[in-house]
Every structure is written in C-alpha cells, then in structure tokens.
PDB file of N, CA and C in Angstrom:
ATOM      1  N   MET A   1       5.037   6.196   5.813  1.00  0.00           N
ATOM      2  CA  MET A   1       4.186   5.348   6.336  1.00  0.00           C
ATOM      3  C   MET A   1       4.266   3.907   6.167  1.00  0.00           C
ATOM      4  N   LYS A   2       4.056   3.050   6.932  1.00  0.00           N
ATOM      5  CA  LYS A   2       4.301   1.590   6.836  1.00  0.00           C
ATOM      6  C   LYS A   2       2.619   0.952   6.907  1.00  0.00           C
ATOM      7  N   LEU A   3       2.548  -0.174   6.336  1.00  0.00           N
ATOM      8  CA  LEU A   3       1.361  -0.783   6.322  1.00  0.00           C
ATOM      9  C   LEU A   3       0.965  -1.217   7.643  1.00  0.00           C
ATOM     10  N   ASP A   4       1.997  -1.881   8.282  1.00  0.00           N
ATOM     11  CA  ASP A   4       1.969  -2.480   9.692  1.00  0.00           C
ATOM     12  C   ASP A   4       1.448  -1.355  10.787  1.00  0.00           C
ATOM     13  N   GLY A   5       1.618  -0.130  10.394  1.00  0.00           N
ATOM     14  CA  GLY A   5       1.365   0.956  11.196  1.00  0.00           C
ATOM     15  C   GLY A   5       0.014   1.506  11.141  1.00  0.00           C
ATOM     16  N   MET A   6      -0.711   1.225  10.038  1.00  0.00           N
ATOM     17  CA  MET A   6      -1.987   1.791   9.740  1.00  0.00           C
ATOM     18  C   MET A   6      -3.133   0.842  10.425  1.00  0.00           C
ATOM     19  N   THR A   7      -4.256   1.767  10.714  1.00  0.00           N
ATOM     20  CA  THR A   7      -5.262   1.169  11.271  1.00  0.00           C
ATOM     21  C   THR A   7      -6.149   0.349  10.220  1.00  0.00           C
ATOM     22  N   LYS A   8      -7.048  -0.475  10.703  1.00  0.00           N
ATOM     23  CA  LYS A   8      -7.995  -0.987   9.706  1.00  0.00           C
ATOM     24  C   LYS A   8      -8.669  -0.201   8.971  1.00  0.00           C
ATOM     25  N   ASP A   9      -9.240   1.092   9.600  1.00  0.00           N
ATOM     26  CA  ASP A   9      -9.759   1.959   9.024  1.00  0.00           C
ATOM     27  C   ASP A   9      -9.062   2.543   7.878  1.00  0.00           C
ATOM     28  N   GLU A  10      -7.763   3.161   8.424  1.00  0.00           N
ATOM     29  CA  GLU A  10      -6.883   3.653   7.227  1.00  0.00           C
ATOM     30  C   GLU A  10      -6.688   2.669   5.921  1.00  0.00           C
ATOM     31  N   ARG A  11      -6.496   1.462   6.368  1.00  0.00           N
ATOM     32  CA  ARG A  11      -6.175   0.494   5.371  1.00  0.00           C
ATOM     33  C   ARG A  11      -7.504   0.522   4.357  1.00  0.00           C
ATOM     34  N   SER A  12      -8.723   0.365   4.807  1.00  0.00           N
ATOM     35  CA  SER A  12      -9.795   0.368   4.008  1.00  0.00           C
ATOM     36  C   SER A  12      -9.996   1.534   3.242  1.00  0.00           C
ATOM     37  N   LEU A  13      -9.928   2.806   4.065  1.00  0.00           N
ATOM     38  CA  LEU A  13      -9.947   4.121   3.264  1.00  0.00           C
ATOM     39  C   LEU A  13      -8.975   3.960   1.834  1.00  0.00           C
ATOM     40  N   LEU A  14      -7.614   3.652   2.176  1.00  0.00           N
ATOM     41  CA  LEU A  14      -6.874   3.574   1.286  1.00  0.00           C
ATOM     42  C   LEU A  14      -7.181   2.723   0.098  1.00  0.00           C
ATOM     43  N   LEU A  15      -7.516   1.585   0.468  1.00  0.00           N
ATOM     44  CA  LEU A  15      -8.118   0.915  -0.973  1.00  0.00           C
ATOM     45  C   LEU A  15      -9.380   1.402  -1.531  1.00  0.00           C
ATOM     46  N   TYR A  16     -10.085   1.968  -0.966  1.00  0.00           N
ATOM     47  CA  TYR A  16     -11.205   2.679  -1.335  1.00  0.00           C
ATOM     48  C   TYR A  16     -10.712   3.820  -2.397  1.00  0.00           C
ATOM     49  N   LEU A  17      -9.801   4.646  -2.068  1.00  0.00           N
ATOM     50  CA  LEU A  17      -9.396   5.795  -2.835  1.00  0.00           C
ATOM     51  C   LEU A  17      -8.252   4.993  -3.896  1.00  0.00           C
ATOM     52  N   GLU A  18      -7.623   4.042  -3.689  1.00  0.00           N
ATOM     53  CA  GLU A  18      -6.978   3.607  -4.716  1.00  0.00           C
ATOM     54  C   GLU A  18      -7.918   2.895  -5.851  1.00  0.00           C
ATOM     55  N   THR A  19      -9.064   2.255  -5.439  1.00  0.00           N
ATOM     56  CA  THR A  19     -10.208   1.916  -6.427  1.00  0.00           C
ATOM     57  C   THR A  19     -10.625   3.172  -7.069  1.00  0.00           C
ATOM     58  N   ARG A  20     -10.944   4.180  -6.628  1.00  0.00           N
ATOM     59  CA  ARG A  20     -11.581   5.300  -6.954  1.00  0.00           C
ATOM     60  C   ARG A  20     -10.403   5.899  -8.165  1.00  0.00           C
ATOM     61  N   ALA A  21      -9.260   5.847  -7.926  1.00  0.00           N
ATOM     62  CA  ALA A  21      -8.098   6.370  -8.621  1.00  0.00           C
ATOM     63  C   ALA A  21      -8.050   5.542  -9.968  1.00  0.00           C
ATOM     64  N   VAL A  22      -8.152   4.192  -9.821  1.00  0.00           N
ATOM     65  CA  VAL A  22      -7.911   3.451 -10.796  1.00  0.00           C
ATOM     66  C   VAL A  22      -9.200   3.230 -11.867  1.00  0.00           C
ATOM     67  N   ASP A  23     -10.345   3.089 -11.314  1.00  0.00           N
ATOM     68  CA  ASP A  23     -11.438   2.891 -11.740  1.00  0.00           C
ATOM     69  C   ASP A  23     -12.413   4.156 -12.237  1.00  0.00           C
ATOM     70  N   TYR A  24     -12.098   5.294 -11.670  1.00  0.00           N
ATOM     71  CA  TYR A  24     -12.869   6.392 -11.990  1.00  0.00           C
ATOM     72  C   TYR A  24     -12.011   7.915 -12.098  1.00  0.00           C
ATOM     73  N   GLY A  25     -10.748   7.427 -12.555  1.00  0.00           N
ATOM     74  CA  GLY A  25      -9.900   8.745 -12.874  1.00  0.00           C
ATOM     75  C   GLY A  25      -9.613   9.544 -11.629  1.00  0.00           C
ATOM     76  N   GLY A  26      -9.615   8.973 -10.412  1.00  0.00           N
ATOM     77  CA  GLY A  26      -9.564   9.733  -9.228  1.00  0.00           C
ATOM     78  C   GLY A  26     -10.724  10.604  -8.629  1.00  0.00           C
ATOM     79  N   LYS A  27     -11.952  10.379  -9.251  1.00  0.00           N
ATOM     80  CA  LYS A  27     -13.094  11.043  -8.866  1.00  0.00           C
ATOM     81  C   LYS A  27     -13.821  10.299  -7.651  1.00  0.00           C
ATOM     82  N   VAL A  28     -13.860  10.803  -6.458  1.00  0.00           N
ATOM     83  CA  VAL A  28     -14.436  10.126  -5.360  1.00  0.00           C
ATOM     84  C   VAL A  28     -15.813  10.521  -4.940  1.00  0.00           C
ATOM     85  N   ASP A  29     -16.710   9.531  -4.670  1.00  0.00           N
ATOM     86  CA  ASP A  29     -18.046   9.691  -4.198  1.00  0.00           C
ATOM     87  C   ASP A  29     -17.955   9.629  -2.605  1.00  0.00           C
ATOM     88  N   VAL A  30     -18.095  10.702  -2.115  1.00  0.00           N
ATOM     89  CA  VAL A  30     -17.713  10.774  -0.546  1.00  0.00           C
ATOM     90  C   VAL A  30     -19.168  10.325   0.189  1.00  0.00           C
ATOM     91  N   ARG A  31     -19.980  10.032  -0.316  1.00  0.00           N
ATOM     92  CA  ARG A  31     -21.170   9.361   0.228  1.00  0.00           C
ATOM     93  C   ARG A  31     -20.819   7.914   0.802  1.00  0.00           C
ATOM     94  N   HIS A  32     -19.567   7.615   0.340  1.00  0.00           N
ATOM     95  CA  HIS A  32     -19.113   6.104   0.916  1.00  0.00           C
ATOM     96  C   HIS A  32     -18.117   6.520   2.131  1.00  0.00           C
ATOM     97  N   MET A  33     -18.049   7.530   2.420  1.00  0.00           N
ATOM     98  CA  MET A  33     -16.975   8.068   3.284  1.00  0.00           C
ATOM     99  C   MET A  33     -17.655   8.674   4.642  1.00  0.00           C
ATOM    100  N   ASN A  34     -17.255   8.395   5.711  1.00  0.00           N
ATOM    101  CA  ASN A  34     -17.735   9.116   7.084  1.00  0.00           C
ATOM    102  C   ASN A  34     -17.029   9.985   7.342  1.00  0.00           C
ATOM    103  N   LYS A  35     -17.307  10.767   8.666  1.00  0.00           N
ATOM    104  CA  LYS A  35     -16.476  11.974   9.181  1.00  0.00           C
ATOM    105  C   LYS A  35     -14.986  11.759   9.397  1.00  0.00           C
ATOM    106  N   GLU A  36     -14.822  10.239   9.801  1.00  0.00           N
ATOM    107  CA  GLU A  36     -13.408   9.803  10.292  1.00  0.00           C
ATOM    108  C   GLU A  36     -12.565   9.708   8.839  1.00  0.00           C
ATOM    109  N   ASP A  37     -13.276   8.920   7.784  1.00  0.00           N
ATOM    110  CA  ASP A  37     -12.593   8.940   6.548  1.00  0.00           C
ATOM    111  C   ASP A  37     -12.084  10.140   6.143  1.00  0.00           C
ATOM    112  N   MET A  38     -12.986  11.309   6.005  1.00  0.00           N
ATOM    113  CA  MET A  38     -12.745  12.505   5.582  1.00  0.00           C
ATOM    114  C   MET A  38     -11.678  13.279   6.392  1.00  0.00           C
ATOM    115  N   ASP A  39     -11.425  13.029   7.490  1.00  0.00           N
ATOM    116  CA  ASP A  39     -10.403  13.352   8.375  1.00  0.00           C
ATOM    117  C   ASP A  39      -9.209  12.798   8.149  1.00  0.00           C
ATOM    118  N   ILE A  40      -9.099  11.433   8.000  1.00  0.00           N
ATOM    119  CA  ILE A  40      -7.913  10.747   7.619  1.00  0.00           C
ATOM    120  C   ILE A  40      -7.337  11.349   6.268  1.00  0.00           C
ATOM    121  N   ALA A  41      -8.373  11.430   5.179  1.00  0.00           N
ATOM    122  CA  ALA A  41      -8.032  11.734   3.731  1.00  0.00           C
ATOM    123  C   ALA A  41      -7.350  13.298   3.834  1.00  0.00           C
ATOM    124  N   LYS A  42      -8.042  13.838   4.813  1.00  0.00           N
ATOM    125  CA  LYS A  42      -7.335  15.345   4.780  1.00  0.00           C
ATOM    126  C   LYS A  42      -5.990  15.222   5.394  1.00  0.00           C
ATOM    127  N   GLY A  43      -5.773  14.618   6.434  1.00  0.00           N
ATOM    128  CA  GLY A  43      -4.613  14.476   7.117  1.00  0.00           C
ATOM    129  C   GLY A  43      -3.529  13.705   6.160  1.00  0.00           C
ATOM    130  N   TRP A  44      -3.852  12.877   5.487  1.00  0.00           N
ATOM    131  CA  TRP A  44      -2.957  12.395   4.387  1.00  0.00           C
ATOM    132  C   TRP A  44      -2.503  13.422   3.418  1.00  0.00           C
ATOM    133  N   ASN A  45      -3.650  14.190   2.974  1.00  0.00           N
ATOM    134  CA  ASN A  45      -3.409  15.420   2.120  1.00  0.00           C
ATOM    135  C   ASN A  45      -2.317  16.304   2.646  1.00  0.00           C
ATOM    136  N   THR A  46      -2.313  16.669   3.709  1.00  0.00           N
ATOM    137  CA  THR A  46      -1.481  17.598   4.603  1.00  0.00           C
ATOM    138  C   THR A  46      -0.042  17.080   4.611  1.00  0.00           C
ATOM    139  N   MET A  47       0.175  15.617   4.620  1.00  0.00           N
ATOM    140  CA  MET A  47       1.290  15.143   4.936  1.00  0.00           C
ATOM    141  C   MET A  47       1.955  14.661   3.564  1.00  0.00           C
ATOM    142  N   GLY A  48       1.138  14.767   2.452  1.00  0.00           N
ATOM    143  CA  GLY A  48       1.617  14.319   1.106  1.00  0.00           C
ATOM    144  C   GLY A  48       1.369  12.924   0.941  1.00  0.00           C
ATOM    145  N   PHE A  49       0.876  12.179   1.612  1.00  0.00           N
ATOM    146  CA  PHE A  49       0.765  10.781   1.566  1.00  0.00           C
ATOM    147  C   PHE A  49      -0.039  10.412   0.143  1.00  0.00           C
ATOM    148  N   LEU A  50      -1.220  11.363   0.025  1.00  0.00           N
ATOM    149  CA  LEU A  50      -1.835  11.529  -1.218  1.00  0.00           C
ATOM    150  C   LEU A  50      -2.470  13.006  -1.349  1.00  0.00           C
ATOM    151  N   LYS A  51      -2.955  13.264  -2.532  1.00  0.00           N
ATOM    152  CA  LYS A  51      -3.688  14.553  -2.767  1.00  0.00           C
ATOM    153  C   LYS A  51      -5.205  14.217  -2.546  1.00  0.00           C
ATOM    154  N   PHE A  52      -6.092  15.092  -2.051  1.00  0.00           N
ATOM    155  CA  PHE A  52      -7.404  14.979  -1.693  1.00  0.00           C
ATOM    156  C   PHE A  52      -8.056  16.220  -1.662  1.00  0.00           C
ATOM    157  N   GLY A  53      -9.242  16.465  -2.346  1.00  0.00           N
ATOM    158  CA  GLY A  53      -9.886  17.903  -2.381  1.00  0.00           C
ATOM    159  C   GLY A  53     -11.052  17.737  -3.094  1.00  0.00           C
ATOM    160  N   ARG A  54     -11.796  18.906  -3.211  1.00  0.00           N
ATOM    161  CA  ARG A  54     -13.072  18.935  -3.839  1.00  0.00           C
ATOM    162  C   ARG A  54     -12.989  19.227  -5.198  1.00  0.00           C
ATOM    163  N   ILE A  55     -13.900  18.715  -6.040  1.00  0.00           N
ATOM    164  CA  ILE A  55     -14.163  19.301  -7.424  1.00  0.00           C
ATOM    165  C   ILE A  55     -14.846  20.440  -7.610  1.00  0.00           C
ATOM    166  N   LYS A  56     -14.651  21.418  -8.457  1.00  0.00           N
ATOM    167  CA  LYS A  56     -15.297  22.616  -8.530  1.00  0.00           C
ATOM    168  C   LYS A  56     -16.838  22.263  -8.867  1.00  0.00           C
ATOM    169  N   PHE A  57     -17.676  22.994  -8.353  1.00  0.00           N
ATOM    170  CA  PHE A  57     -19.236  22.636  -8.346  1.00  0.00           C
ATOM    171  C   PHE A  57     -19.802  22.233  -9.857  1.00  0.00           C
ATOM    172  N   HIS A  58     -19.415  23.057 -10.773  1.00  0.00           N
ATOM    173  CA  HIS A  58     -19.883  23.067 -12.059  1.00  0.00           C
ATOM    174  C   HIS A  58     -19.008  21.682 -12.949  1.00  0.00           C
ATOM    175  N   ASP A  59     -18.240  21.256 -12.342  1.00  0.00           N
ATOM    176  CA  ASP A  59     -17.575  19.929 -12.867  1.00  0.00           C
ATOM    177  C   ASP A  59     -17.952  18.604 -12.129  1.00  0.00           C
ATOM    178  N   ILE A  60     -18.752  18.734 -11.024  1.00  0.00           N
ATOM    179  CA  ILE A  60     -19.277  17.555 -10.302  1.00  0.00           C
ATOM    180  C   ILE A  60     -20.229  16.669 -11.072  1.00  0.00           C
ATOM    181  N   THR A  61     -20.111  15.639 -11.475  1.00  0.00           N
ATOM    182  CA  THR A  61     -20.939  14.671 -12.200  1.00  0.00           C
ATOM    183  C   THR A  61     -21.170  13.268 -10.952  1.00  0.00           C
ATOM    184  N   HIS A  62     -22.438  12.792 -11.202  1.00  0.00           N
ATOM    185  CA  HIS A  62     -22.761  11.603 -10.707  1.00  0.00           C
ATOM    186  C   HIS A  62     -22.328  11.362  -9.162  1.00  0.00           C
ATOM    187  N   ASN A  63     -22.495  12.654  -8.443  1.00  0.00           N
ATOM    188  CA  ASN A  63     -22.264  12.659  -7.071  1.00  0.00           C
ATOM    189  C   ASN A  63     -20.659  12.568  -6.704  1.00  0.00           C
ATOM    190  N   MET A  64     -20.106  12.626  -7.595  1.00  0.00           N
ATOM    191  CA  MET A  64     -18.422  12.543  -7.453  1.00  0.00           C
ATOM    192  C   MET A  64     -17.719  13.955  -7.149  1.00  0.00           C
ATOM    193  N   SER A  65     -17.812  14.478  -5.870  1.00  0.00           N
ATOM    194  CA  SER A  65     -17.453  15.537  -5.718  1.00  0.00           C
ATOM    195  C   SER A  65     -16.079  16.042  -5.257  1.00  0.00           C
ATOM    196  N   HIS A  66     -15.337  15.045  -4.976  1.00  0.00           N
ATOM    197  CA  HIS A  66     -14.036  15.030  -4.601  1.00  0.00           C
ATOM    198  C   HIS A  66     -13.188  14.304  -5.513  1.00  0.00           C
ATOM    199  N   TRP A  67     -11.926  14.665  -5.241  1.00  0.00           N
ATOM    200  CA  TRP A  67     -10.698  13.943  -6.191  1.00  0.00           C
ATOM    201  C   TRP A  67      -9.671  13.409  -5.498  1.00  0.00           C
ATOM    202  N   CYS A  68      -8.839  12.480  -5.885  1.00  0.00           N
ATOM    203  CA  CYS A  68      -7.673  11.972  -5.127  1.00  0.00           C
ATOM    204  C   CYS A  68      -6.778  11.656  -6.256  1.00  0.00           C
ATOM    205  N   GLU A  69      -5.368  11.740  -5.720  1.00  0.00           N
ATOM    206  CA  GLU A  69      -4.213  11.315  -6.425  1.00  0.00           C
ATOM    207  C   GLU A  69      -3.135  10.514  -5.332  1.00  0.00           C
ATOM    208  N   LEU A  70      -3.027   9.410  -5.541  1.00  0.00           N
ATOM    209  CA  LEU A  70      -1.908   8.893  -4.679  1.00  0.00           C
ATOM    210  C   LEU A  70      -0.540   8.953  -5.036  1.00  0.00           C
ATOM    211  N   SER A  71       0.178   9.135  -4.090  1.00  0.00           N
ATOM    212  CA  SER A  71       1.663   9.211  -3.905  1.00  0.00           C
ATOM    213  C   SER A  71       2.340   8.026  -4.457  1.00  0.00           C
ATOM    214  N   ASP A  72       3.597   7.869  -5.169  1.00  0.00           N
ATOM    215  CA  ASP A  72       4.176   6.545  -5.330  1.00  0.00           C
ATOM    216  C   ASP A  72       4.100   5.554  -4.004  1.00  0.00           C
ATOM    217  N   GLU A  73       4.404   6.338  -2.815  1.00  0.00           N
ATOM    218  CA  GLU A  73       4.290   5.432  -1.567  1.00  0.00           C
ATOM    219  C   GLU A  73       2.959   4.796  -1.267  1.00  0.00           C
ATOM    220  N   ALA A  74       1.947   5.914  -1.458  1.00  0.00           N
ATOM    221  CA  ALA A  74       0.347   5.353  -1.458  1.00  0.00           C
ATOM    222  C   ALA A  74       0.132   4.303  -2.345  1.00  0.00           C
ATOM    223  N   TRP A  75       0.749   4.238  -3.643  1.00  0.00           N
ATOM    224  CA  TRP A  75       0.554   2.956  -4.512  1.00  0.00           C
ATOM    225  C   TRP A  75       0.960   1.911  -4.003  1.00  0.00           C
ATOM    226  N   ALA A  76       2.177   1.991  -3.502  1.00  0.00           N
ATOM    227  CA  ALA A  76       3.042   0.814  -3.090  1.00  0.00           C
ATOM    228  C   ALA A  76       2.222   0.282  -1.991  1.00  0.00           C
ATOM    229  N   ILE A  77       1.941   1.042  -0.797  1.00  0.00           N
ATOM    230  CA  ILE A  77       1.191   0.265   0.120  1.00  0.00           C
ATOM    231  C   ILE A  77      -0.192  -0.196  -0.088  1.00  0.00           C
ATOM    232  N   ALA A  78      -0.710   0.437  -1.223  1.00  0.00           N
ATOM    233  CA  ALA A  78      -2.082   0.013  -1.254  1.00  0.00           C
ATOM    234  C   ALA A  78      -1.842  -1.465  -2.035  1.00  0.00           C
ATOM    235  N   HIS A  79      -1.082  -1.547  -2.950  1.00  0.00           N
ATOM    236  CA  HIS A  79      -0.730  -2.718  -3.671  1.00  0.00           C
ATOM    237  C   HIS A  79      -0.227  -3.855  -2.468  1.00  0.00           C
ATOM    238  N   GLU A  80       0.448  -3.612  -1.334  1.00  0.00           N
ATOM    239  CA  GLU A  80       0.785  -4.321  -0.322  1.00  0.00           C
ATOM    240  C   GLU A  80      -0.327  -4.892   0.440  1.00  0.00           C
ATOM    241  N   GLU A  81      -1.272  -3.797   0.526  1.00  0.00           N
ATOM    242  CA  GLU A  81      -2.464  -4.077   1.346  1.00  0.00           C
ATOM    243  C   GLU A  81      -3.441  -5.181   0.578  1.00  0.00           C
ATOM    244  N   ARG A  82      -3.692  -4.829  -0.699  1.00  0.00           N
ATOM    245  CA  ARG A  82      -4.209  -5.831  -1.699  1.00  0.00           C
ATOM    246  C   ARG A  82      -3.819  -7.151  -1.448  1.00  0.00           C
ATOM    247  N   ARG A  83      -2.638  -7.394  -1.530  1.00  0.00           N
ATOM    248  CA  ARG A  83      -2.024  -8.681  -1.468  1.00  0.00           C
ATOM    249  C   ARG A  83      -2.332  -9.290  -0.119  1.00  0.00           C
ATOM    250  N   ALA A  84      -2.082  -8.536   1.033  1.00  0.00           N
ATOM    251  CA  ALA A  84      -2.314  -8.931   2.648  1.00  0.00           C
ATOM    252  C   ALA A  84      -3.674  -9.304   2.582  1.00  0.00           C
ATOM    253  N   ARG A  85      -4.571  -8.592   2.092  1.00  0.00           N
ATOM    254  CA  ARG A  85      -6.106  -8.865   2.181  1.00  0.00           C
ATOM    255  C   ARG A  85      -6.310 -10.137   1.423  1.00  0.00           C
ATOM    256  N   TYR A  86      -5.945 -10.340   0.343  1.00  0.00           N
ATOM    257  CA  TYR A  86      -6.166 -11.848  -0.253  1.00  0.00           C
ATOM    258  C   TYR A  86      -5.579 -12.808   0.724  1.00  0.00           C
ATOM    259  N   GLU A  87      -4.442 -12.620   1.116  1.00  0.00           N
ATOM    260  CA  GLU A  87      -3.732 -13.934   1.805  1.00  0.00           C
ATOM    261  C   GLU A  87      -4.449 -14.038   3.107  1.00  0.00           C
ATOM    262  N   ARG A  88      -5.119 -12.983   3.483  1.00  0.00           N
ATOM    263  CA  ARG A  88      -6.094 -13.326   4.810  1.00  0.00           C
ATOM    264  C   ARG A  88      -7.408 -13.979   4.430  1.00  0.00           C
ATOM    265  N   LEU A  89      -7.930 -13.412   3.157  1.00  0.00           N
ATOM    266  CA  LEU A  89      -9.250 -14.108   2.852  1.00  0.00           C
ATOM    267  C   LEU A  89      -9.031 -15.562   2.195  1.00  0.00           C
ATOM    268  N   ALA A  90      -8.182 -15.785   1.465  1.00  0.00           N
ATOM    269  CA  ALA A  90      -7.867 -17.021   0.708  1.00  0.00           C
ATOM    270  C   ALA A  90      -8.127 -18.408   1.489  1.00  0.00           C
ATOM    271  N   PRO A  91      -7.384 -18.396   2.613  1.00  0.00           N
ATOM    272  CA  PRO A  91      -7.949 -19.726   3.387  1.00  0.00           C
ATOM    273  C   PRO A  91      -9.367 -19.850   3.705  1.00  0.00           C
ATOM    274  N   GLN A  92     -10.082 -18.862   3.649  1.00  0.00           N
ATOM    275  CA  GLN A  92     -11.623 -18.961   4.013  1.00  0.00           C
ATOM    276  C   GLN A  92     -12.426 -19.217   2.773  1.00  0.00           C
ATOM    277  N   GLN A  93     -11.615 -19.480   1.744  1.00  0.00           N
ATOM    278  CA  GLN A  93     -12.658 -19.867   0.546  1.00  0.00           C
ATOM    279  C   GLN A  93     -13.358 -21.061   0.818  1.00  0.00           C
ATOM    280  N   THR A  94     -14.491 -20.890   0.506  1.00  0.00           N
ATOM    281  CA  THR A  94     -15.542 -22.182   0.669  1.00  0.00           C
ATOM    282  C   THR A  94     -16.164 -22.876  -0.765  1.00  0.00           C
ATOM    283  N   PHE A  95     -15.306 -22.576  -1.767  1.00  0.00           N
ATOM    284  CA  PHE A  95     -15.913 -22.982  -3.002  1.00  0.00           C
ATOM    285  C   PHE A  95     -14.788 -24.075  -3.528  1.00  0.00           C
ATOM    286  N   SER A  96     -15.388 -25.020  -4.502  1.00  0.00           N
ATOM    287  CA  SER A  96     -14.315 -25.901  -5.258  1.00  0.00           C
ATOM    288  C   SER A  96     -13.768 -25.082  -6.485  1.00  0.00           C
ATOM    289  N   LYS A  97     -12.421 -25.272  -6.721  1.00  0.00           N
ATOM    290  CA  LYS A  97     -11.731 -24.830  -7.840  1.00  0.00           C
ATOM    291  C   LYS A  97     -11.848 -25.888  -9.069  1.00  0.00           C
ATOM    292  N   VAL A  98     -11.894 -25.220 -10.086  1.00  0.00           N
ATOM    293  CA  VAL A  98     -11.981 -26.116 -11.052  1.00  0.00           C
ATOM    294  C   VAL A  98     -10.848 -25.646 -12.068  1.00  0.00           C
ATOM    295  N   GLY A  99     -10.034 -26.565 -12.837  1.00  0.00           N
ATOM    296  CA  GLY A  99      -8.852 -26.395 -13.643  1.00  0.00           C
ATOM    297  C   GLY A  99      -7.663 -25.907 -13.014  1.00  0.00           C
ATOM    298  N   VAL A 100      -7.480 -26.597 -11.936  1.00  0.00           N
ATOM    299  CA  VAL A 100      -6.194 -26.418 -11.024  1.00  0.00           C
ATOM    300  C   VAL A 100      -5.761 -28.111 -10.604  1.00  0.00           C
ATOM    301  N   ASP A 101      -4.519 -28.139 -10.889  1.00  0.00           N
ATOM    302  CA  ASP A 101      -4.018 -29.492 -10.447  1.00  0.00           C
ATOM    303  C   ASP A 101      -3.951 -29.753  -8.980  1.00  0.00           C
TER     304      ASP A 101
END
C-alpha cells in the first residue's frame, strides 16, 4: 500500500488508529468511527495491513471495545502521512513565532 493511493478517509483513519496504538496501547473507541471506517479497518485486517478486532466483553473499559496493531508498513505510512499533513498545514499558520531567527 502507498500513501498516494489512499483516500482522505483512509489517511484520517490510519492516523486515528496510529494515535490509539501510541496513546492507548491499541485500544480503540469505535464511537469515533463510522460504518465506512469500520469497513476500511476490517479490510485492512483481512489484507494484513493492520490487525483490528473486538475486545472481549469483560475486558472492555471506558468504551474502548476494539483493538488495533499496526504492521511495519502501516507504521511507516502513518509517519509519512503525519509529516505530509504538517507540510500541508504549516503554510497556513496564522501565529507569530517567538525564539526563532
């Protein structure tokens, strides 16, 4: 899979799942996902781009009912997209910077 072949929705979902992996140990709150996101995640799971599934009922905490694990490829593409997103947003900055020459 390549970043330039991904849709905006796929890019956004990848970054959401990457954030959940980093900040929550892979636990996912699917209230922040719609049907299309769920379909994409299940497809990625099938193709091995990442692992995605449900957490057993007794282990669900704080509405985190699913889990994800990114493949090495998914980690690399997520990093690439984070950098690309910054490059798209940086020129739009409307604040003054202090401490730079």
